[in-house]
Amino acid sequence: MSNFAFNNPAFKERDPRAVATYPGGAQAGQNGQYAPPPPAGQFAAAQQAAVNANLEGMYAAPSAGAIETDRMTVEDTVWKTAGLFGILLVFAAIGWFFTLGGVAVPRTPTAVAIWPWAVGALGGFVLAMIVSFTSRKKVRPALIFAYAAFEGLFIGGISAFFEVLWPGIVLQATLATAAVVAVTLALFASGKVRASAKMTKIVMIAMLGYLLFSLLNVVLMVFNVLPANQMFGLYSAKVAGIPLGLIIGVLVVFLAAYSLVMDFDQIQQGVRNGAPRQYGWLGGFGIMVTVVWLYVEILRMIAIARGNN
């Protein structure tokens, strides 16, 4: 899902404090970092020589990197994102273990624990809202770490539950998710795919409509309005013999892929605008939100397809 944290001005407006070189570097005169000395006649010969030597040293200064300028870079954001996914995978293993721990083989859906799934989903949702709507004032990496941990519990729990029902489904969903992410990243890196204002507006409207559909489906399932044999509610209903979940799923995968494009684009804009380095955590957070959403949707699509056979 599109990350509301990217609404932060740091990703949209250029920071006037961002510099391309060290203060006093080759562009210092253009950026107002150095004022030229008064006419040489007002200096003694020794003072003028010192000024000239100082100028040569400043012009020879190396370019500043992310650490020196404390600015956001693509490389730094990639490392932060990898770290967050590392936390997610560790807690996914924990969620998987506690979901299946102590369950005798052959396992049955009624025997597995669902609390890792429930706790992870609730905690992840709450933290996602907090991070998204408070990041305009301050970026809190600790909350983003906690979000990754809760999402790990959720992913591990729901994956274990689906694996009991359809052995091998987790590997299938993981490979499919990795393929979508890799293709999207490759197309974006090559410049063949970019986010546009018109397309972004269309996608945002479509995602809002899908959110309302999902909420309606949950309500109908909770109040037992739908037939008992429809495990996924409205998603299990068939249109011309094809489960509605598969038809909608294709659209949702496209929406998630375009959301990734928007995430990559916002990170790129943040780097160009000289956003503070800490905003790399928000970049990683946005990518994680989208990838988790994509994985869950693909997991459900495969489950519906296999359950329909």
Protein backbone atom coordinates (compact mmCIF):
# COMPACT_ATOMS: atom_id res chain seq x y z
CA MET A 1 0.00 0.00 0.00
CA SER A 2 1.23 3.52 -0.68
CA ASN A 3 3.21 4.91 2.24
CA PHE A 4 1.67 8.03 3.78
CA ALA A 5 5.02 8.77 5.41
CA PHE A 6 6.27 9.90 1.99
CA ASN A 7 3.99 12.93 2.28
CA ASN A 8 6.75 14.42 4.40
CA PRO A 9 8.10 17.64 2.80
CA ALA A 10 11.60 16.15 3.02
CA PHE A 11 10.74 13.97 -0.01
CA LYS A 12 9.12 16.77 -2.00
CA GLU A 13 11.06 19.98 -1.30
CA ARG A 14 14.75 20.60 -1.76
CA ASP A 15 16.59 21.29 1.49
CA PRO A 16 18.56 24.56 1.06
CA ARG A 17 21.10 23.28 3.57
CA ALA A 18 22.11 20.39 1.30
CA VAL A 19 25.55 20.95 -0.24
CA ALA A 20 27.42 19.03 -2.91
CA THR A 21 30.86 19.51 -1.38
CA TYR A 22 32.48 20.36 1.89
CA PRO A 23 31.98 23.94 3.05
CA GLY A 24 34.61 25.85 1.19
CA GLY A 25 34.85 23.28 -1.59
CA ALA A 26 34.85 23.91 -5.31
CA GLN A 27 31.29 25.23 -5.26
CA ALA A 28 31.68 27.24 -2.10
CA GLY A 29 31.89 30.58 -3.84
CA GLN A 30 28.68 29.86 -5.71
CA ASN A 31 26.82 28.79 -2.58
CA GLY A 32 27.84 31.76 -0.51
CA GLN A 33 30.20 29.73 1.66
CA TYR A 34 33.17 32.04 1.08
CA ALA A 35 33.40 35.78 0.62
CA PRO A 36 36.33 36.96 -1.52
CA PRO A 37 38.95 39.01 0.32
CA PRO A 38 39.25 42.75 -0.08
CA PRO A 39 41.66 44.14 -2.71
CA ALA A 40 45.21 42.88 -2.38
CA GLY A 41 46.49 46.32 -1.66
CA GLN A 42 44.97 46.20 1.82
CA PHE A 43 46.99 43.16 2.82
CA ALA A 44 50.61 42.74 3.56
CA ALA A 45 52.43 40.34 1.24
CA ALA A 46 52.52 37.59 3.86
CA GLN A 47 48.79 37.85 4.56
CA GLN A 48 47.95 37.68 0.84
CA ALA A 49 50.08 34.56 0.41
CA ALA A 50 48.24 32.88 3.31
CA VAL A 51 44.87 33.72 1.77
CA ASN A 52 45.93 32.25 -1.59
CA ALA A 53 47.18 29.07 0.07
CA ASN A 54 43.90 28.74 1.98
CA LEU A 55 41.90 29.11 -1.24
CA GLU A 56 43.92 26.40 -2.98
CA GLY A 57 43.34 24.04 -0.06
CA MET A 58 39.62 24.61 -0.06
CA TYR A 59 39.29 24.07 -3.82
CA ALA A 60 41.27 20.82 -3.52
CA ALA A 61 38.97 19.46 -0.77
CA PRO A 62 37.30 16.11 -1.69
CA SER A 63 33.59 15.84 -2.33
CA ALA A 64 31.46 15.16 0.73
CA GLY A 65 29.58 11.90 1.05
CA ALA A 66 26.43 10.97 2.93
CA ILE A 67 28.23 10.82 6.28
CA GLU A 68 29.84 14.24 5.93
CA THR A 69 26.67 15.95 4.74
CA ASP A 70 24.28 13.72 6.74
CA ARG A 71 22.10 13.47 3.66
CA MET A 72 19.98 10.62 2.31
CA THR A 73 21.54 8.38 -0.37
CA VAL A 74 20.24 5.40 -2.32
CA GLU A 75 23.01 3.15 -0.99
CA ASP A 76 22.33 4.06 2.63
CA THR A 77 18.58 3.51 2.13
CA VAL A 78 19.26 0.09 0.61
CA TRP A 79 21.24 -0.95 3.69
CA LYS A 80 18.55 0.34 6.03
CA THR A 81 15.89 -1.54 4.04
CA ALA A 82 17.95 -4.75 4.16
CA GLY A 83 18.28 -4.38 7.92
CA LEU A 84 14.52 -4.01 8.34
CA PHE A 85 13.86 -7.11 6.25
CA GLY A 86 16.44 -8.94 8.34
CA ILE A 87 14.40 -8.13 11.47
CA LEU A 88 11.22 -9.22 9.68
CA LEU A 89 12.71 -12.59 8.71
CA VAL A 90 13.95 -13.30 12.24
CA PHE A 91 10.53 -12.64 13.75
CA ALA A 92 8.84 -14.50 10.89
CA ALA A 93 10.79 -17.59 11.96
CA ILE A 94 9.63 -17.00 15.55
CA GLY A 95 6.03 -16.60 14.40
CA TRP A 96 6.29 -19.77 12.32
CA PHE A 97 7.70 -21.74 15.28
CA PHE A 98 5.06 -20.64 17.77
CA THR A 99 2.28 -21.21 15.24
CA LEU A 100 3.32 -24.81 14.63
CA GLY A 101 5.19 -25.52 17.88
CA GLY A 102 3.94 -28.62 19.65
CA VAL A 103 1.51 -29.54 16.88
CA ALA A 104 1.70 -33.23 16.09
CA VAL A 105 2.03 -34.49 12.54
CA PRO A 106 -0.20 -34.66 10.57
CA ARG A 107 -1.06 -31.07 11.40
CA THR A 108 -4.59 -29.71 11.10
CA PRO A 109 -5.75 -26.06 10.82
CA THR A 110 -7.65 -26.31 14.12
CA ALA A 111 -4.53 -27.44 15.98
CA VAL A 112 -2.21 -24.56 15.06
CA ALA A 113 -1.94 -21.40 17.15
CA ILE A 114 -3.23 -18.18 15.60
CA TRP A 115 -2.00 -15.69 18.21
CA PRO A 116 1.27 -14.84 16.36
CA TRP A 117 -0.80 -13.95 13.30
CA ALA A 118 -3.33 -11.91 15.31
CA VAL A 119 -0.76 -10.11 17.49
CA GLY A 120 1.47 -9.35 14.52
CA ALA A 121 -1.38 -8.00 12.39
CA LEU A 122 -2.75 -5.75 15.14
CA GLY A 123 0.65 -4.48 16.30
CA GLY A 124 1.84 -3.92 12.74
CA PHE A 125 -1.27 -1.97 11.79
CA VAL A 126 -1.08 0.31 14.84
CA LEU A 127 2.62 1.02 14.38
CA ALA A 128 2.20 1.60 10.63
CA MET A 129 -0.40 4.29 11.37
CA ILE A 130 1.80 5.92 14.03
CA VAL A 131 4.90 5.94 11.82
CA SER A 132 3.01 7.18 8.76
CA PHE A 133 1.22 10.08 10.43
CA THR A 134 3.89 11.26 12.90
CA SER A 135 6.96 11.17 10.65
CA ARG A 136 6.33 14.72 9.43
CA LYS A 137 7.61 15.92 12.81
CA LYS A 138 10.19 13.29 13.66
CA VAL A 139 11.50 10.00 12.28
CA ARG A 140 11.59 7.32 14.98
CA PRO A 141 13.67 4.33 13.81
CA ALA A 142 12.78 2.37 16.96
CA LEU A 143 9.10 2.36 15.95
CA ILE A 144 10.04 1.21 12.46
CA PHE A 145 12.12 -1.63 13.96
CA ALA A 146 9.12 -2.62 16.09
CA TYR A 147 6.89 -2.53 13.00
CA ALA A 148 9.26 -4.90 11.20
CA ALA A 149 9.15 -7.26 14.20
CA PHE A 150 5.35 -7.31 14.38
CA GLU A 151 5.07 -7.78 10.63
CA GLY A 152 7.47 -10.70 10.96
CA LEU A 153 5.18 -12.37 13.51
CA PHE A 154 2.22 -11.78 11.19
CA ILE A 155 3.97 -13.12 8.09
CA GLY A 156 5.38 -16.13 9.93
CA GLY A 157 2.04 -16.98 11.52
CA ILE A 158 -0.14 -16.64 8.44
CA SER A 159 2.43 -18.44 6.28
CA ALA A 160 2.54 -21.40 8.67
CA PHE A 161 -1.26 -21.58 8.74
CA PHE A 162 -1.49 -21.60 4.93
CA GLU A 163 1.35 -24.12 4.70
CA VAL A 164 -0.65 -26.58 6.81
CA LEU A 165 -3.59 -26.27 4.42
CA TRP A 166 -1.58 -26.22 1.17
CA PRO A 167 1.95 -27.66 1.56
CA GLY A 168 4.50 -25.81 -0.55
CA ILE A 169 2.42 -22.65 -0.88
CA VAL A 170 4.87 -20.46 1.07
CA LEU A 171 7.73 -21.21 -1.33
CA GLN A 172 5.45 -20.52 -4.30
CA ALA A 173 4.29 -17.18 -2.85
CA THR A 174 7.83 -16.16 -1.88
CA LEU A 175 9.22 -16.85 -5.35
CA ALA A 176 6.32 -15.03 -7.02
CA THR A 177 6.74 -12.00 -4.73
CA ALA A 178 10.50 -11.89 -5.34
CA ALA A 179 9.89 -12.07 -9.09
CA VAL A 180 7.43 -9.15 -9.05
CA VAL A 181 9.77 -7.02 -6.91
CA ALA A 182 12.80 -7.84 -9.06
CA VAL A 183 11.03 -7.05 -12.36
CA THR A 184 9.60 -3.81 -10.96
CA LEU A 185 13.00 -2.70 -9.66
CA ALA A 186 14.71 -3.58 -12.95
CA LEU A 187 12.16 -1.63 -14.98
CA PHE A 188 12.45 1.37 -12.67
CA ALA A 189 16.26 1.29 -12.67
CA SER A 190 16.28 1.15 -16.48
CA GLY A 191 14.02 4.20 -16.66
CA LYS A 192 11.30 2.34 -18.55
CA VAL A 193 8.77 2.74 -15.74
CA ARG A 194 8.18 5.94 -13.78
CA ALA A 195 5.41 7.27 -11.56
CA SER A 196 3.25 9.92 -13.22
CA ALA A 197 0.79 12.27 -11.56
CA LYS A 198 -2.17 10.99 -13.61
CA MET A 199 -1.39 7.31 -13.10
CA THR A 200 -0.72 7.82 -9.41
CA LYS A 201 -4.13 9.42 -8.98
CA ILE A 202 -5.82 6.49 -10.76
CA VAL A 203 -3.93 3.93 -8.67
CA MET A 204 -4.73 5.71 -5.41
CA ILE A 205 -8.46 5.70 -6.28
CA ALA A 206 -8.27 2.00 -7.18
CA MET A 207 -6.50 1.19 -3.89
CA LEU A 208 -9.13 3.07 -1.92
CA GLY A 209 -11.86 1.11 -3.69
CA TYR A 210 -10.05 -2.16 -2.96
CA LEU A 211 -9.70 -1.20 0.70
CA LEU A 212 -13.45 -0.63 0.97
CA PHE A 213 -14.10 -3.96 -0.77
CA SER A 214 -11.79 -5.74 1.70
CA LEU A 215 -13.49 -4.15 4.71
CA LEU A 216 -16.92 -5.11 3.35
CA ASN A 217 -15.73 -8.68 2.86
CA VAL A 218 -14.49 -8.87 6.45
CA VAL A 219 -17.80 -7.55 7.82
CA LEU A 220 -19.82 -10.04 5.75
CA MET A 221 -17.63 -12.92 6.93
CA VAL A 222 -17.76 -11.89 10.61
CA PHE A 223 -21.56 -11.77 10.60
CA ASN A 224 -21.86 -15.04 8.62
CA VAL A 225 -23.73 -13.38 5.77
CA LEU A 226 -21.85 -15.36 3.13
CA PRO A 227 -22.11 -19.13 2.52
CA ALA A 228 -20.01 -21.25 4.86
CA ASN A 229 -18.16 -22.93 1.98
CA GLN A 230 -16.64 -19.61 0.86
CA MET A 231 -13.43 -19.68 2.88
CA PHE A 232 -12.26 -16.30 1.61
CA GLY A 233 -15.68 -14.69 1.51
CA LEU A 234 -16.36 -12.66 -1.62
CA TYR A 235 -12.98 -13.68 -3.00
CA SER A 236 -14.25 -17.28 -3.25
CA ALA A 237 -17.36 -16.31 -5.26
CA LYS A 238 -17.12 -17.31 -8.91
CA VAL A 239 -17.61 -15.24 -12.04
CA ALA A 240 -17.94 -17.33 -15.21
CA GLY A 241 -16.42 -20.24 -13.30
CA ILE A 242 -13.37 -18.23 -12.17
CA PRO A 243 -12.97 -17.27 -8.48
CA LEU A 244 -13.39 -13.53 -8.00
CA GLY A 245 -10.23 -13.54 -5.88
CA LEU A 246 -8.13 -14.50 -8.90
CA ILE A 247 -9.64 -11.79 -11.09
CA ILE A 248 -9.20 -9.11 -8.45
CA GLY A 249 -5.81 -10.54 -7.51
CA VAL A 250 -4.31 -9.74 -10.90
CA LEU A 251 -5.37 -6.11 -10.49
CA VAL A 252 -4.07 -5.99 -6.92
CA VAL A 253 -0.65 -7.32 -7.95
CA PHE A 254 -0.46 -4.50 -10.50
CA LEU A 255 -1.46 -1.96 -7.83
CA ALA A 256 1.20 -3.30 -5.46
CA ALA A 257 3.84 -3.23 -8.21
CA TYR A 258 2.99 0.38 -9.04
CA SER A 259 3.11 1.20 -5.32
CA LEU A 260 6.68 -0.08 -5.38
CA VAL A 261 7.40 2.26 -8.29
CA MET A 262 6.00 5.14 -6.23
CA ASP A 263 8.18 4.09 -3.27
CA PHE A 264 11.31 4.01 -5.45
CA ASP A 265 10.39 7.35 -7.00
CA GLN A 266 9.87 9.03 -3.62
CA ILE A 267 13.23 7.73 -2.38
CA GLN A 268 14.89 9.07 -5.52
CA GLN A 269 13.25 12.45 -4.97
CA GLY A 270 14.38 12.48 -1.35
CA VAL A 271 17.98 11.89 -2.45
CA ARG A 272 17.79 14.62 -5.10
CA ASN A 273 16.28 17.10 -2.65
CA GLY A 274 18.96 16.47 -0.06
CA ALA A 275 16.62 14.96 2.56
CA PRO A 276 18.24 14.21 5.94
CA ARG A 277 19.90 10.80 6.16
CA GLN A 278 17.43 9.52 8.76
CA TYR A 279 14.65 9.58 6.16
CA GLY A 280 16.23 6.50 4.65
CA TRP A 281 14.40 4.61 7.39
CA LEU A 282 11.09 5.87 5.99
CA GLY A 283 12.15 4.69 2.55
CA GLY A 284 12.78 1.20 3.91
CA PHE A 285 9.51 1.31 5.84
CA GLY A 286 7.54 2.20 2.70
CA ILE A 287 9.09 -0.62 0.69
CA MET A 288 8.40 -3.11 3.50
CA VAL A 289 4.73 -2.10 3.74
CA THR A 290 4.29 -2.65 0.00
CA VAL A 291 6.20 -5.95 -0.18
CA VAL A 292 4.28 -7.42 2.77
CA TRP A 293 1.00 -6.41 1.12
CA LEU A 294 2.13 -7.96 -2.18
CA TYR A 295 3.16 -11.22 -0.49
CA VAL A 296 -0.14 -11.62 1.37
CA GLU A 297 -2.16 -10.97 -1.78
CA ILE A 298 -0.14 -13.50 -3.80
CA LEU A 299 -0.42 -16.02 -0.95
CA ARG A 300 -4.21 -15.67 -1.03
CA MET A 301 -4.34 -15.92 -4.84
CA ILE A 302 -2.39 -19.18 -4.84
CA ALA A 303 -4.55 -20.55 -2.01
CA ILE A 304 -7.74 -19.75 -3.95
CA ALA A 305 -6.32 -21.30 -7.12
CA ARG A 306 -5.23 -24.49 -5.35
CA GLY A 307 -8.45 -24.72 -3.38
CA ASN A 308 -10.45 -24.44 -6.57
CA ASN A 309 -8.81 -27.53 -8.09
